[in-house]
PDB file of N, CA and C in Angstrom:
ATOM      1  N   MET A   1     -10.518  -2.343 -17.010  1.00  0.00           N
ATOM      2  CA  MET A   1      -9.397  -1.568 -17.513  1.00  0.00           C
ATOM      3  C   MET A   1      -8.144  -2.441 -17.495  1.00  0.00           C
ATOM      4  N   ARG A   2      -7.490  -2.526 -18.606  1.00  0.00           N
ATOM      5  CA  ARG A   2      -6.263  -3.310 -18.683  1.00  0.00           C
ATOM      6  C   ARG A   2      -5.098  -2.376 -18.954  1.00  0.00           C
ATOM      7  N   THR A   3      -4.039  -2.582 -18.211  1.00  0.00           N
ATOM      8  CA  THR A   3      -2.828  -1.796 -18.427  1.00  0.00           C
ATOM      9  C   THR A   3      -1.668  -2.754 -18.591  1.00  0.00           C
ATOM     10  N   ARG A   4      -0.634  -2.265 -19.149  1.00  0.00           N
ATOM     11  CA  ARG A   4       0.532  -3.096 -19.382  1.00  0.00           C
ATOM     12  C   ARG A   4       1.560  -2.842 -18.293  1.00  0.00           C
ATOM     13  N   ARG A   5       1.905  -3.866 -17.539  1.00  0.00           N
ATOM     14  CA  ARG A   5       2.971  -3.875 -16.541  1.00  0.00           C
ATOM     15  C   ARG A   5       2.815  -2.852 -15.414  1.00  0.00           C
ATOM     16  N   PRO A   6       1.688  -2.850 -14.694  1.00  0.00           N
ATOM     17  CA  PRO A   6       1.583  -1.933 -13.558  1.00  0.00           C
ATOM     18  C   PRO A   6       2.485  -2.343 -12.405  1.00  0.00           C
ATOM     19  N   GLY A   7       2.792  -3.623 -12.285  1.00  0.00           N
ATOM     20  CA  GLY A   7       3.685  -4.083 -11.220  1.00  0.00           C
ATOM     21  C   GLY A   7       5.076  -3.499 -11.348  1.00  0.00           C
ATOM     22  N   PHE A   8       5.539  -3.349 -12.575  1.00  0.00           N
ATOM     23  CA  PHE A   8       6.845  -2.737 -12.806  1.00  0.00           C
ATOM     24  C   PHE A   8       6.858  -1.302 -12.302  1.00  0.00           C
ATOM     25  N   TRP A   9       5.789  -0.559 -12.607  1.00  0.00           N
ATOM     26  CA  TRP A   9       5.743   0.846 -12.201  1.00  0.00           C
ATOM     27  C   TRP A   9       5.689   0.998 -10.689  1.00  0.00           C
ATOM     28  N   VAL A  10       5.006   0.098 -10.014  1.00  0.00           N
ATOM     29  CA  VAL A  10       4.960   0.158  -8.552  1.00  0.00           C
ATOM     30  C   VAL A  10       6.355  -0.031  -7.975  1.00  0.00           C
ATOM     31  N   ALA A  11       7.057  -1.052  -8.421  1.00  0.00           N
ATOM     32  CA  ALA A  11       8.401  -1.320  -7.897  1.00  0.00           C
ATOM     33  C   ALA A  11       9.380  -0.219  -8.288  1.00  0.00           C
ATOM     34  N   ALA A  12       9.286   0.279  -9.510  1.00  0.00           N
ATOM     35  CA  ALA A  12      10.205   1.327  -9.962  1.00  0.00           C
ATOM     36  C   ALA A  12       9.977   2.630  -9.207  1.00  0.00           C
ATOM     37  N   LEU A  13       8.728   3.003  -8.990  1.00  0.00           N
ATOM     38  CA  LEU A  13       8.446   4.238  -8.258  1.00  0.00           C
ATOM     39  C   LEU A  13       8.790   4.108  -6.777  1.00  0.00           C
ATOM     40  N   TRP A  14       8.683   2.914  -6.239  1.00  0.00           N
ATOM     41  CA  TRP A  14       9.095   2.672  -4.856  1.00  0.00           C
ATOM     42  C   TRP A  14      10.606   2.892  -4.736  1.00  0.00           C
ATOM     43  N   GLY A  15      11.363   2.365  -5.679  1.00  0.00           N
ATOM     44  CA  GLY A  15      12.809   2.594  -5.688  1.00  0.00           C
ATOM     45  C   GLY A  15      13.145   4.059  -5.890  1.00  0.00           C
ATOM     46  N   LEU A  16      12.399   4.733  -6.752  1.00  0.00           N
ATOM     47  CA  LEU A  16      12.632   6.153  -6.978  1.00  0.00           C
ATOM     48  C   LEU A  16      12.352   6.972  -5.717  1.00  0.00           C
ATOM     49  N   ALA A  17      11.292   6.626  -4.991  1.00  0.00           N
ATOM     50  CA  ALA A  17      10.983   7.327  -3.742  1.00  0.00           C
ATOM     51  C   ALA A  17      12.093   7.123  -2.719  1.00  0.00           C
ATOM     52  N   ASN A  18      12.650   5.925  -2.666  1.00  0.00           N
ATOM     53  CA  ASN A  18      13.777   5.694  -1.758  1.00  0.00           C
ATOM     54  C   ASN A  18      15.010   6.456  -2.210  1.00  0.00           C
ATOM     55  N   GLY A  19      15.178   6.647  -3.512  1.00  0.00           N
ATOM     56  CA  GLY A  19      16.275   7.477  -4.011  1.00  0.00           C
ATOM     57  C   GLY A  19      16.129   8.933  -3.577  1.00  0.00           C
ATOM     58  N   VAL A  20      14.883   9.420  -3.573  1.00  0.00           N
ATOM     59  CA  VAL A  20      14.636  10.785  -3.092  1.00  0.00           C
ATOM     60  C   VAL A  20      14.971  10.886  -1.601  1.00  0.00           C
ATOM     61  N   LEU A  21      14.588   9.874  -0.829  1.00  0.00           N
ATOM     62  CA  LEU A  21      14.928   9.875   0.597  1.00  0.00           C
ATOM     63  C   LEU A  21      16.440   9.809   0.810  1.00  0.00           C
ATOM     64  N   LEU A  22      17.139   9.102  -0.052  1.00  0.00           N
ATOM     65  CA  LEU A  22      18.597   9.059   0.027  1.00  0.00           C
ATOM     66  C   LEU A  22      19.185  10.437  -0.252  1.00  0.00           C
ATOM     67  N   ALA A  23      18.606  11.155  -1.194  1.00  0.00           N
ATOM     68  CA  ALA A  23      19.078  12.505  -1.478  1.00  0.00           C
ATOM     69  C   ALA A  23      18.826  13.443  -0.295  1.00  0.00           C
ATOM     70  N   VAL A  24      17.713  13.241   0.406  1.00  0.00           N
ATOM     71  CA  VAL A  24      17.446  14.048   1.605  1.00  0.00           C
ATOM     72  C   VAL A  24      18.488  13.753   2.678  1.00  0.00           C
ATOM     73  N   LEU A  25      18.837  12.479   2.829  1.00  0.00           N
ATOM     74  CA  LEU A  25      19.887  12.130   3.793  1.00  0.00           C
ATOM     75  C   LEU A  25      21.221  12.760   3.402  1.00  0.00           C
ATOM     76  N   ALA A  26      21.492  12.819   2.122  1.00  0.00           N
ATOM     77  CA  ALA A  26      22.733  13.446   1.672  1.00  0.00           C
ATOM     78  C   ALA A  26      22.736  14.937   1.987  1.00  0.00           C
ATOM     79  N   ALA A  27      21.569  15.568   1.900  1.00  0.00           N
ATOM     80  CA  ALA A  27      21.482  16.994   2.211  1.00  0.00           C
ATOM     81  C   ALA A  27      21.755  17.259   3.688  1.00  0.00           C
ATOM     82  N   TYR A  28      21.437  16.294   4.542  1.00  0.00           N
ATOM     83  CA  TYR A  28      21.682  16.456   5.965  1.00  0.00           C
ATOM     84  C   TYR A  28      23.064  15.968   6.387  1.00  0.00           C
ATOM     85  N   GLY A  29      23.840  15.432   5.459  1.00  0.00           N
ATOM     86  CA  GLY A  29      25.217  15.053   5.741  1.00  0.00           C
ATOM     87  C   GLY A  29      25.368  13.828   6.626  1.00  0.00           C
ATOM     88  N   GLU A  30      24.743  12.740   6.240  1.00  0.00           N
ATOM     89  CA  GLU A  30      24.872  11.497   6.994  1.00  0.00           C
ATOM     90  C   GLU A  30      26.244  10.868   6.756  1.00  0.00           C
ATOM     91  N   SER A  31      26.502   9.781   7.462  1.00  0.00           N
ATOM     92  CA  SER A  31      27.788   9.095   7.319  1.00  0.00           C
ATOM     93  C   SER A  31      27.805   8.241   6.049  1.00  0.00           C
ATOM     94  N   ALA A  32      28.977   7.809   5.670  1.00  0.00           N
ATOM     95  CA  ALA A  32      29.143   7.027   4.441  1.00  0.00           C
ATOM     96  C   ALA A  32      28.442   5.672   4.537  1.00  0.00           C
ATOM     97  N   LEU A  33      28.377   5.111   5.732  1.00  0.00           N
ATOM     98  CA  LEU A  33      27.713   3.819   5.907  1.00  0.00           C
ATOM     99  C   LEU A  33      26.225   3.919   5.550  1.00  0.00           C
ATOM    100  N   VAL A  34      25.605   5.022   5.917  1.00  0.00           N
ATOM    101  CA  VAL A  34      24.189   5.218   5.600  1.00  0.00           C
ATOM    102  C   VAL A  34      24.000   5.280   4.096  1.00  0.00           C
ATOM    103  N   TYR A  35      24.891   5.965   3.399  1.00  0.00           N
ATOM    104  CA  TYR A  35      24.786   6.054   1.934  1.00  0.00           C
ATOM    105  C   TYR A  35      24.915   4.679   1.296  1.00  0.00           C
ATOM    106  N   TRP A  36      25.874   3.882   1.788  1.00  0.00           N
ATOM    107  CA  TRP A  36      26.066   2.545   1.228  1.00  0.00           C
ATOM    108  C   TRP A  36      24.847   1.661   1.481  1.00  0.00           C
ATOM    109  N   LEU A  37      24.324   1.690   2.697  1.00  0.00           N
ATOM    110  CA  LEU A  37      23.188   0.826   3.027  1.00  0.00           C
ATOM    111  C   LEU A  37      21.929   1.253   2.274  1.00  0.00           C
ATOM    112  N   TRP A  38      21.602   2.532   2.324  1.00  0.00           N
ATOM    113  CA  TRP A  38      20.380   2.991   1.655  1.00  0.00           C
ATOM    114  C   TRP A  38      20.539   2.932   0.142  1.00  0.00           C
ATOM    115  N   GLY A  39      21.716   3.220  -0.339  1.00  0.00           N
ATOM    116  CA  GLY A  39      21.952   3.123  -1.776  1.00  0.00           C
ATOM    117  C   GLY A  39      21.809   1.698  -2.279  1.00  0.00           C
ATOM    118  N   SER A  40      22.245   0.728  -1.474  1.00  0.00           N
ATOM    119  CA  SER A  40      22.089  -0.671  -1.885  1.00  0.00           C
ATOM    120  C   SER A  40      20.615  -1.066  -1.915  1.00  0.00           C
ATOM    121  N   VAL A  41      19.826  -0.502  -1.012  1.00  0.00           N
ATOM    122  CA  VAL A  41      18.391  -0.768  -1.034  1.00  0.00           C
ATOM    123  C   VAL A  41      17.765  -0.210  -2.311  1.00  0.00           C
ATOM    124  N   VAL A  42      18.162   0.987  -2.692  1.00  0.00           N
ATOM    125  CA  VAL A  42      17.635   1.595  -3.922  1.00  0.00           C
ATOM    126  C   VAL A  42      18.011   0.737  -5.131  1.00  0.00           C
ATOM    127  N   VAL A  43      19.256   0.286  -5.177  1.00  0.00           N
ATOM    128  CA  VAL A  43      19.698  -0.550  -6.296  1.00  0.00           C
ATOM    129  C   VAL A  43      18.924  -1.862  -6.319  1.00  0.00           C
ATOM    130  N   LEU A  44      18.724  -2.493  -5.154  1.00  0.00           N
ATOM    131  CA  LEU A  44      17.976  -3.755  -5.104  1.00  0.00           C
ATOM    132  C   LEU A  44      16.517  -3.561  -5.545  1.00  0.00           C
ATOM    133  N   LEU A  45      15.927  -2.444  -5.167  1.00  0.00           N
ATOM    134  CA  LEU A  45      14.551  -2.192  -5.599  1.00  0.00           C
ATOM    135  C   LEU A  45      14.457  -2.004  -7.103  1.00  0.00           C
ATOM    136  N   GLU A  46      15.416  -1.326  -7.677  1.00  0.00           N
ATOM    137  CA  GLU A  46      15.393  -1.135  -9.126  1.00  0.00           C
ATOM    138  C   GLU A  46      15.685  -2.436  -9.862  1.00  0.00           C
ATOM    139  N   VAL A  47      16.536  -3.279  -9.311  1.00  0.00           N
ATOM    140  CA  VAL A  47      16.780  -4.598  -9.905  1.00  0.00           C
ATOM    141  C   VAL A  47      15.507  -5.436  -9.825  1.00  0.00           C
ATOM    142  N   ALA A  48      14.805  -5.345  -8.696  1.00  0.00           N
ATOM    143  CA  ALA A  48      13.533  -6.067  -8.565  1.00  0.00           C
ATOM    144  C   ALA A  48      12.518  -5.541  -9.575  1.00  0.00           C
ATOM    145  N   ALA A  49      12.509  -4.227  -9.808  1.00  0.00           N
ATOM    146  CA  ALA A  49      11.599  -3.660 -10.812  1.00  0.00           C
ATOM    147  C   ALA A  49      11.920  -4.190 -12.199  1.00  0.00           C
ATOM    148  N   LEU A  50      13.192  -4.307 -12.504  1.00  0.00           N
ATOM    149  CA  LEU A  50      13.574  -4.861 -13.808  1.00  0.00           C
ATOM    150  C   LEU A  50      13.185  -6.335 -13.918  1.00  0.00           C
ATOM    151  N   ALA A  51      13.290  -7.072 -12.811  1.00  0.00           N
ATOM    152  CA  ALA A  51      12.870  -8.478 -12.822  1.00  0.00           C
ATOM    153  C   ALA A  51      11.364  -8.584 -13.043  1.00  0.00           C
ATOM    154  N   VAL A  52      10.605  -7.700 -12.435  1.00  0.00           N
ATOM    155  CA  VAL A  52       9.154  -7.687 -12.643  1.00  0.00           C
ATOM    156  C   VAL A  52       8.834  -7.333 -14.088  1.00  0.00           C
ATOM    157  N   LEU A  53       9.568  -6.378 -14.646  1.00  0.00           N
ATOM    158  CA  LEU A  53       9.352  -6.005 -16.040  1.00  0.00           C
ATOM    159  C   LEU A  53       9.646  -7.182 -16.969  1.00  0.00           C
ATOM    160  N   ALA A  54      10.749  -7.877 -16.720  1.00  0.00           N
ATOM    161  CA  ALA A  54      11.091  -9.027 -17.559  1.00  0.00           C
ATOM    162  C   ALA A  54      10.049 -10.129 -17.432  1.00  0.00           C
ATOM    163  N   ALA A  55       9.555 -10.354 -16.232  1.00  0.00           N
ATOM    164  CA  ALA A  55       8.550 -11.396 -16.030  1.00  0.00           C
ATOM    165  C   ALA A  55       7.214 -11.011 -16.657  1.00  0.00           C
ATOM    166  N   SER A  56       6.881  -9.733 -16.611  1.00  0.00           N
ATOM    167  CA  SER A  56       5.585  -9.321 -17.154  1.00  0.00           C
ATOM    168  C   SER A  56       5.579  -9.290 -18.673  1.00  0.00           C
ATOM    169  N   ARG A  57       6.742  -9.160 -19.288  1.00  0.00           N
ATOM    170  CA  ARG A  57       6.787  -9.168 -20.757  1.00  0.00           C
ATOM    171  C   ARG A  57       6.501 -10.548 -21.327  1.00  0.00           C
ATOM    172  N   THR A  58       6.739 -11.588 -20.547  1.00  0.00           N
ATOM    173  CA  THR A  58       6.510 -12.935 -21.048  1.00  0.00           C
ATOM    174  C   THR A  58       5.055 -13.358 -20.911  1.00  0.00           C
ATOM    175  N   GLY A  59       4.296 -12.694 -20.014  1.00  0.00           N
ATOM    176  CA  GLY A  59       2.913 -13.075 -19.780  1.00  0.00           C
ATOM    177  C   GLY A  59       1.930 -12.166 -20.489  1.00  0.00           C
ATOM    178  N   PRO A  60       0.646 -12.440 -20.309  1.00  0.00           N
ATOM    179  CA  PRO A  60      -0.390 -11.602 -20.925  1.00  0.00           C
ATOM    180  C   PRO A  60      -0.533 -10.289 -20.162  1.00  0.00           C
ATOM    181  N   GLU A  61      -1.431  -9.447 -20.658  1.00  0.00           N
ATOM    182  CA  GLU A  61      -1.704  -8.188 -19.978  1.00  0.00           C
ATOM    183  C   GLU A  61      -2.265  -8.468 -18.593  1.00  0.00           C
ATOM    184  N   GLU A  62      -1.950  -7.568 -17.653  1.00  0.00           N
ATOM    185  CA  GLU A  62      -2.414  -7.738 -16.286  1.00  0.00           C
ATOM    186  C   GLU A  62      -3.699  -6.961 -16.074  1.00  0.00           C
ATOM    187  N   ARG A  63      -4.514  -7.489 -15.218  1.00  0.00           N
ATOM    188  CA  ARG A  63      -5.721  -6.755 -14.834  1.00  0.00           C
ATOM    189  C   ARG A  63      -5.361  -5.849 -13.674  1.00  0.00           C
ATOM    190  N   SER A  64      -5.737  -4.584 -13.794  1.00  0.00           N
ATOM    191  CA  SER A  64      -5.460  -3.666 -12.704  1.00  0.00           C
ATOM    192  C   SER A  64      -6.721  -3.281 -11.946  1.00  0.00           C
ATOM    193  N   HIS A  65      -7.860  -3.805 -12.355  1.00  0.00           N
ATOM    194  CA  HIS A  65      -9.110  -3.530 -11.657  1.00  0.00           C
ATOM    195  C   HIS A  65      -9.679  -4.864 -11.184  1.00  0.00           C
ATOM    196  N   TYR A  66      -9.814  -5.004  -9.879  1.00  0.00           N
ATOM    197  CA  TYR A  66     -10.295  -6.259  -9.316  1.00  0.00           C
ATOM    198  C   TYR A  66     -11.614  -6.015  -8.604  1.00  0.00           C
ATOM    199  N   ARG A  67     -12.472  -6.972  -8.683  1.00  0.00           N
ATOM    200  CA  ARG A  67     -13.755  -6.884  -8.000  1.00  0.00           C
ATOM    201  C   ARG A  67     -13.685  -7.718  -6.736  1.00  0.00           C
ATOM    202  N   THR A  68     -14.411  -7.304  -5.716  1.00  0.00           N
ATOM    203  CA  THR A  68     -14.484  -8.072  -4.482  1.00  0.00           C
ATOM    204  C   THR A  68     -15.303  -9.320  -4.757  1.00  0.00           C
ATOM    205  N   PRO A  69     -14.789 -10.503  -4.385  1.00  0.00           N
ATOM    206  CA  PRO A  69     -15.524 -11.725  -4.700  1.00  0.00           C
ATOM    207  C   PRO A  69     -16.892 -11.797  -4.019  1.00  0.00           C
ATOM    208  N   ALA A  70     -16.994 -11.300  -2.810  1.00  0.00           N
ATOM    209  CA  ALA A  70     -18.277 -11.292  -2.110  1.00  0.00           C
ATOM    210  C   ALA A  70     -18.499  -9.891  -1.566  1.00  0.00           C
ATOM    211  N   ALA A  71     -19.679  -9.367  -1.792  1.00  0.00           N
ATOM    212  CA  ALA A  71     -19.956  -8.001  -1.344  1.00  0.00           C
ATOM    213  C   ALA A  71     -19.888  -7.883   0.164  1.00  0.00           C
ATOM    214  N   SER A  72     -20.175  -8.968   0.879  1.00  0.00           N
ATOM    215  CA  SER A  72     -20.149  -8.901   2.334  1.00  0.00           C
ATOM    216  C   SER A  72     -18.726  -8.794   2.871  1.00  0.00           C
ATOM    217  N   GLY A  73     -17.728  -9.151   2.079  1.00  0.00           N
ATOM    218  CA  GLY A  73     -16.342  -9.070   2.534  1.00  0.00           C
ATOM    219  C   GLY A  73     -15.706  -7.713   2.328  1.00  0.00           C
ATOM    220  N   ALA A  74     -16.414  -6.788   1.719  1.00  0.00           N
ATOM    221  CA  ALA A  74     -15.848  -5.472   1.441  1.00  0.00           C
ATOM    222  C   ALA A  74     -15.641  -4.655   2.705  1.00  0.00           C
ATOM    223  N   CYS A  75     -16.348  -4.974   3.774  1.00  0.00           N
ATOM    224  CA  CYS A  75     -16.230  -4.194   5.004  1.00  0.00           C
ATOM    225  C   CYS A  75     -15.064  -4.660   5.873  1.00  0.00           C
ATOM    226  N   VAL A  76     -14.441  -5.769   5.548  1.00  0.00           N
ATOM    227  CA  VAL A  76     -13.400  -6.329   6.418  1.00  0.00           C
ATOM    228  C   VAL A  76     -12.128  -5.480   6.451  1.00  0.00           C
ATOM    229  N   PRO A  77     -11.539  -5.040   5.322  1.00  0.00           N
ATOM    230  CA  PRO A  77     -10.306  -4.238   5.419  1.00  0.00           C
ATOM    231  C   PRO A  77     -10.451  -2.938   6.210  1.00  0.00           C
ATOM    232  N   PRO A  78     -11.502  -2.110   5.972  1.00  0.00           N
ATOM    233  CA  PRO A  78     -11.596  -0.912   6.810  1.00  0.00           C
ATOM    234  C   PRO A  78     -11.886  -1.232   8.267  1.00  0.00           C
ATOM    235  N   ALA A  79     -12.620  -2.299   8.536  1.00  0.00           N
ATOM    236  CA  ALA A  79     -12.886  -2.674   9.929  1.00  0.00           C
ATOM    237  C   ALA A  79     -11.601  -3.121  10.622  1.00  0.00           C
ATOM    238  N   ALA A  80     -10.774  -3.881   9.916  1.00  0.00           N
ATOM    239  CA  ALA A  80      -9.506  -4.321  10.503  1.00  0.00           C
ATOM    240  C   ALA A  80      -8.568  -3.154  10.760  1.00  0.00           C
ATOM    241  N   ALA A  81      -8.501  -2.221   9.807  1.00  0.00           N
ATOM    242  CA  ALA A  81      -7.639  -1.053   9.992  1.00  0.00           C
ATOM    243  C   ALA A  81      -8.157  -0.181  11.134  1.00  0.00           C
ATOM    244  N   GLY A  82      -9.466  -0.009  11.225  1.00  0.00           N
ATOM    245  CA  GLY A  82     -10.043   0.770  12.317  1.00  0.00           C
ATOM    246  C   GLY A  82      -9.811   0.133  13.669  1.00  0.00           C
ATOM    247  N   ALA A  83      -9.937  -1.183  13.734  1.00  0.00           N
ATOM    248  CA  ALA A  83      -9.691  -1.882  14.994  1.00  0.00           C
ATOM    249  C   ALA A  83      -8.219  -1.790  15.399  1.00  0.00           C
ATOM    250  N   ALA A  84      -7.329  -1.904  14.420  1.00  0.00           N
ATOM    251  CA  ALA A  84      -5.896  -1.796  14.722  1.00  0.00           C
ATOM    252  C   ALA A  84      -5.550  -0.393  15.208  1.00  0.00           C
ATOM    253  N   LEU A  85      -6.106   0.627  14.568  1.00  0.00           N
ATOM    254  CA  LEU A  85      -5.836   1.998  15.015  1.00  0.00           C
ATOM    255  C   LEU A  85      -6.439   2.271  16.382  1.00  0.00           C
ATOM    256  N   THR A  86      -7.592   1.676  16.670  1.00  0.00           N
ATOM    257  CA  THR A  86      -8.182   1.834  17.998  1.00  0.00           C
ATOM    258  C   THR A  86      -7.280   1.209  19.055  1.00  0.00           C
ATOM    259  N   ALA A  87      -6.757   0.026  18.768  1.00  0.00           N
ATOM    260  CA  ALA A  87      -5.847  -0.629  19.724  1.00  0.00           C
ATOM    261  C   ALA A  87      -4.561   0.171  19.891  1.00  0.00           C
ATOM    262  N   LEU A  88      -4.052   0.721  18.800  1.00  0.00           N
ATOM    263  CA  LEU A  88      -2.818   1.511  18.887  1.00  0.00           C
ATOM    264  C   LEU A  88      -3.022   2.836  19.603  1.00  0.00           C
ATOM    265  N   SER A  89      -4.262   3.311  19.645  1.00  0.00           N
ATOM    266  CA  SER A  89      -4.505   4.593  20.321  1.00  0.00           C
ATOM    267  C   SER A  89      -4.253   4.500  21.816  1.00  0.00           C
ATOM    268  N   PHE A  90      -4.360   3.298  22.393  1.00  0.00           N
ATOM    269  CA  PHE A  90      -4.057   3.148  23.813  1.00  0.00           C
ATOM    270  C   PHE A  90      -2.570   3.356  24.087  1.00  0.00           C
ATOM    271  N   ALA A  91      -1.732   3.008  23.133  1.00  0.00           N
ATOM    272  CA  ALA A  91      -0.291   3.148  23.325  1.00  0.00           C
ATOM    273  C   ALA A  91       0.244   4.478  22.818  1.00  0.00           C
ATOM    274  N   TYR A  92      -0.279   4.973  21.694  1.00  0.00           N
ATOM    275  CA  TYR A  92       0.302   6.144  21.049  1.00  0.00           C
ATOM    276  C   TYR A  92      -0.527   7.416  21.193  1.00  0.00           C
ATOM    277  N   GLY A  93      -1.659   7.338  21.817  1.00  0.00           N
ATOM    278  CA  GLY A  93      -2.445   8.542  22.050  1.00  0.00           C
ATOM    279  C   GLY A  93      -3.813   8.465  21.418  1.00  0.00           C
ATOM    280  N   TRP A  94      -4.713   9.227  22.000  1.00  0.00           N
ATOM    281  CA  TRP A  94      -6.097   9.208  21.575  1.00  0.00           C
ATOM    282  C   TRP A  94      -6.312   9.876  20.230  1.00  0.00           C
ATOM    283  N   TRP A  95      -5.329  10.585  19.725  1.00  0.00           N
ATOM    284  CA  TRP A  95      -5.483  11.252  18.436  1.00  0.00           C
ATOM    285  C   TRP A  95      -5.676  10.240  17.310  1.00  0.00           C
ATOM    286  N   LEU A  96      -5.238   8.998  17.506  1.00  0.00           N
ATOM    287  CA  LEU A  96      -5.443   7.971  16.474  1.00  0.00           C
ATOM    288  C   LEU A  96      -6.921   7.631  16.285  1.00  0.00           C
ATOM    289  N   LEU A  97      -7.732   7.960  17.274  1.00  0.00           N
ATOM    290  CA  LEU A  97      -9.166   7.711  17.118  1.00  0.00           C
ATOM    291  C   LEU A  97      -9.776   8.590  16.030  1.00  0.00           C
ATOM    292  N   THR A  98      -9.126   9.722  15.732  1.00  0.00           N
ATOM    293  CA  THR A  98      -9.630  10.561  14.640  1.00  0.00           C
ATOM    294  C   THR A  98      -9.482   9.863  13.294  1.00  0.00           C
ATOM    295  N   LEU A  99      -8.579   8.894  13.222  1.00  0.00           N
ATOM    296  CA  LEU A  99      -8.447   8.089  12.004  1.00  0.00           C
ATOM    297  C   LEU A  99      -9.278   6.814  12.088  1.00  0.00           C
ATOM    298  N   ALA A 100      -9.410   6.255  13.290  1.00  0.00           N
ATOM    299  CA  ALA A 100     -10.085   4.971  13.457  1.00  0.00           C
ATOM    300  C   ALA A 100     -11.597   5.091  13.316  1.00  0.00           C
ATOM    301  N   ILE A 101     -12.178   6.138  13.871  1.00  0.00           N
ATOM    302  CA  ILE A 101     -13.637   6.263  13.866  1.00  0.00           C
ATOM    303  C   ILE A 101     -14.198   6.379  12.446  1.00  0.00           C
ATOM    304  N   PRO A 102     -13.615   7.203  11.552  1.00  0.00           N
ATOM    305  CA  PRO A 102     -14.146   7.206  10.177  1.00  0.00           C
ATOM    306  C   PRO A 102     -13.991   5.862   9.466  1.00  0.00           C
ATOM    307  N   LEU A 103     -12.891   5.159   9.726  1.00  0.00           N
ATOM    308  CA  LEU A 103     -12.730   3.833   9.110  1.00  0.00           C
ATOM    309  C   LEU A 103     -13.793   2.858   9.600  1.00  0.00           C
ATOM    310  N   LEU A 104     -14.072   2.896  10.889  1.00  0.00           N
ATOM    311  CA  LEU A 104     -15.107   2.016  11.423  1.00  0.00           C
ATOM    312  C   LEU A 104     -16.486   2.403  10.891  1.00  0.00           C
ATOM    313  N   ALA A 105     -16.714   3.700  10.663  1.00  0.00           N
ATOM    314  CA  ALA A 105     -17.988   4.138  10.082  1.00  0.00           C
ATOM    315  C   ALA A 105     -18.128   3.648   8.641  1.00  0.00           C
ATOM    316  N   VAL A 106     -17.045   3.706   7.875  1.00  0.00           N
ATOM    317  CA  VAL A 106     -17.069   3.194   6.496  1.00  0.00           C
ATOM    318  C   VAL A 106     -17.336   1.697   6.492  1.00  0.00           C
ATOM    319  N   ALA A 107     -16.697   0.978   7.420  1.00  0.00           N
ATOM    320  CA  ALA A 107     -16.918  -0.466   7.509  1.00  0.00           C
ATOM    321  C   ALA A 107     -18.373  -0.770   7.850  1.00  0.00           C
ATOM    322  N   GLY A 108     -18.931  -0.008   8.765  1.00  0.00           N
ATOM    323  CA  GLY A 108     -20.340  -0.208   9.108  1.00  0.00           C
ATOM    324  C   GLY A 108     -21.261   0.085   7.942  1.00  0.00           C
ATOM    325  N   ALA A 109     -20.971   1.157   7.207  1.00  0.00           N
ATOM    326  CA  ALA A 109     -21.796   1.500   6.045  1.00  0.00           C
ATOM    327  C   ALA A 109     -21.701   0.415   4.971  1.00  0.00           C
ATOM    328  N   LEU A 110     -20.516  -0.115   4.762  1.00  0.00           N
ATOM    329  CA  LEU A 110     -20.366  -1.184   3.770  1.00  0.00           C
ATOM    330  C   LEU A 110     -21.091  -2.454   4.209  1.00  0.00           C
ATOM    331  N   ALA A 111     -21.059  -2.748   5.498  1.00  0.00           N
ATOM    332  CA  ALA A 111     -21.751  -3.938   5.997  1.00  0.00           C
ATOM    333  C   ALA A 111     -23.264  -3.791   5.842  1.00  0.00           C
ATOM    334  N   VAL A 112     -23.789  -2.600   6.148  1.00  0.00           N
ATOM    335  CA  VAL A 112     -25.232  -2.368   6.009  1.00  0.00           C
ATOM    336  C   VAL A 112     -25.627  -2.423   4.542  1.00  0.00           C
ATOM    337  N   ARG A 113     -24.800  -1.844   3.671  1.00  0.00           N
ATOM    338  CA  ARG A 113     -25.103  -1.854   2.240  1.00  0.00           C
ATOM    339  C   ARG A 113     -25.120  -3.265   1.666  1.00  0.00           C
ATOM    340  N   SER A 114     -24.191  -4.111   2.122  1.00  0.00           N
ATOM    341  CA  SER A 114     -24.168  -5.479   1.584  1.00  0.00           C
ATOM    342  C   SER A 114     -25.349  -6.288   2.091  1.00  0.00           C
ATOM    343  N   ARG A 115     -25.811  -6.012   3.306  1.00  0.00           N
ATOM    344  CA  ARG A 115     -26.993  -6.739   3.822  1.00  0.00           C
ATOM    345  C   ARG A 115     -28.264  -6.304   3.118  1.00  0.00           C
ATOM    346  N   THR A 116     -28.394  -5.011   2.838  1.00  0.00           N
ATOM    347  CA  THR A 116     -29.591  -4.563   2.134  1.00  0.00           C
ATOM    348  C   THR A 116     -29.573  -5.038   0.682  1.00  0.00           C
ATOM    349  N   ALA A 117     -28.375  -5.174   0.085  1.00  0.00           N
ATOM    350  CA  ALA A 117     -28.304  -5.682  -1.285  1.00  0.00           C
ATOM    351  C   ALA A 117     -28.698  -7.150  -1.342  1.00  0.00           C
ATOM    352  N   ARG A 118     -28.332  -7.932  -0.316  1.00  0.00           N
ATOM    353  CA  ARG A 118     -28.696  -9.344  -0.294  1.00  0.00           C
ATOM    354  C   ARG A 118     -30.188  -9.521  -0.014  1.00  0.00           C
ATOM    355  N   ALA A 119     -30.778  -8.582   0.719  1.00  0.00           N
ATOM    356  CA  ALA A 119     -32.194  -8.707   1.077  1.00  0.00           C
ATOM    357  C   ALA A 119     -33.109  -8.443  -0.119  1.00  0.00           C
ATOM    358  N   ARG A 120     -32.616  -7.764  -1.124  1.00  0.00           N
ATOM    359  CA  ARG A 120     -33.465  -7.443  -2.289  1.00  0.00           C
ATOM    360  C   ARG A 120     -33.758  -8.633  -3.126  1.00  0.00           C
TER     361      ARG A 120
END
């Protein structure tokens, strides 16, 4: 699947989400310094989005669907996230294990699937 300028949309929507958070801060009546600081972040994000748009117009279409180079490496991101959440559960509470255990199970399933695929 090829799309035109997905990087622009990511940066633009990130800036828009920060604009919504700025509006929430305005509803709670923050100080003027907060408006200036957060507003400058929103402006910088939108400028970065425009820079990405300008850069993407000069190049070819971007690929938005990537394949894992090796099937055995597909289990690494969920395993790393599960291990990090397990380590953080010692500091922030055991409730993080409710997120870590399913991630570790997915990593295990992906590892078993890649080994059985190589064995065929």
